[in-house]
Amino acid sequence: MNRLENIQSVTGNVTAVRTHDLVISDLEAAGPSILALPMRGFSTACRTGGLDYVRETIEAYGWDAASIRPPTPAPAAITAMDEVLTWISLIPQDRYVLRRIVGARALVNPVSDRHLFTWRKLGQALGAHHQAVLRWHGEGIALIVAALLAENKFDWGFQTLQKSATR
C-alpha cells in the first residue's frame, strides 16, 4: 500500500495528501525548536565555584573546546512548537509505538538539520525492519491528519502558527 492509499484508507480524503506533507514539515520544523531550548533546571554540576581550590582545579587543565549551541528560539517559534507537538497526542494511546516513531522522527538537530534517529536506528530500537518503521510513521501521520481534518484545522502551518503567535 503506497502513501496515498494509506492516507485515503484512514481519512477517506484525497486532499489529505497535501495536509500529510504539511504535518510532516511542521513536525520537522518544531523538532529543532525543542532541541534548541536551553537546558535549565536541577543539575549535578559543581555549584561552589567561589572556593579557591575548586577554581584552581578547573583552570589547571585549560579550557574546554566551545560547543556550538543554537540560538534560543523566538517566543513565536516556541508557541508554534507547542501547538505542533500536541498533534502527537492525537494518535490514540493504544498506538503508543506510532507515537514514539512520530515523535522520534520529529527531532531534527538544529545545527546540522539532520534527523537524530534514522529509519534504521528506529528499526533497531523497535526490533523491526526499517521499511516497517517507515510505514508505521505514515500511519501515525495519517491518524494526525484525520484528527486535524475532523477538527477543521487544515488551514494551519508552522509558518502560519509562528505569524499568528506574534500578533
Foldseek 3Di string as FASTA:
>chain_A
DDLQVLLCVLQVDNVCVVVLVQLLVLLLLLQQQVVLADDDDDDPDDPPCVDPVNVCVVPVVHDDDDDDHDHHDDPLSNQLSVVSLCLLPLQDPVLVLLSVLLNQQSHAHNPPRHRPADLCNSCVVVVHDSVVSVVSPSNSSSSSSNVCVVVVNSPDGSVRSSVVVVD
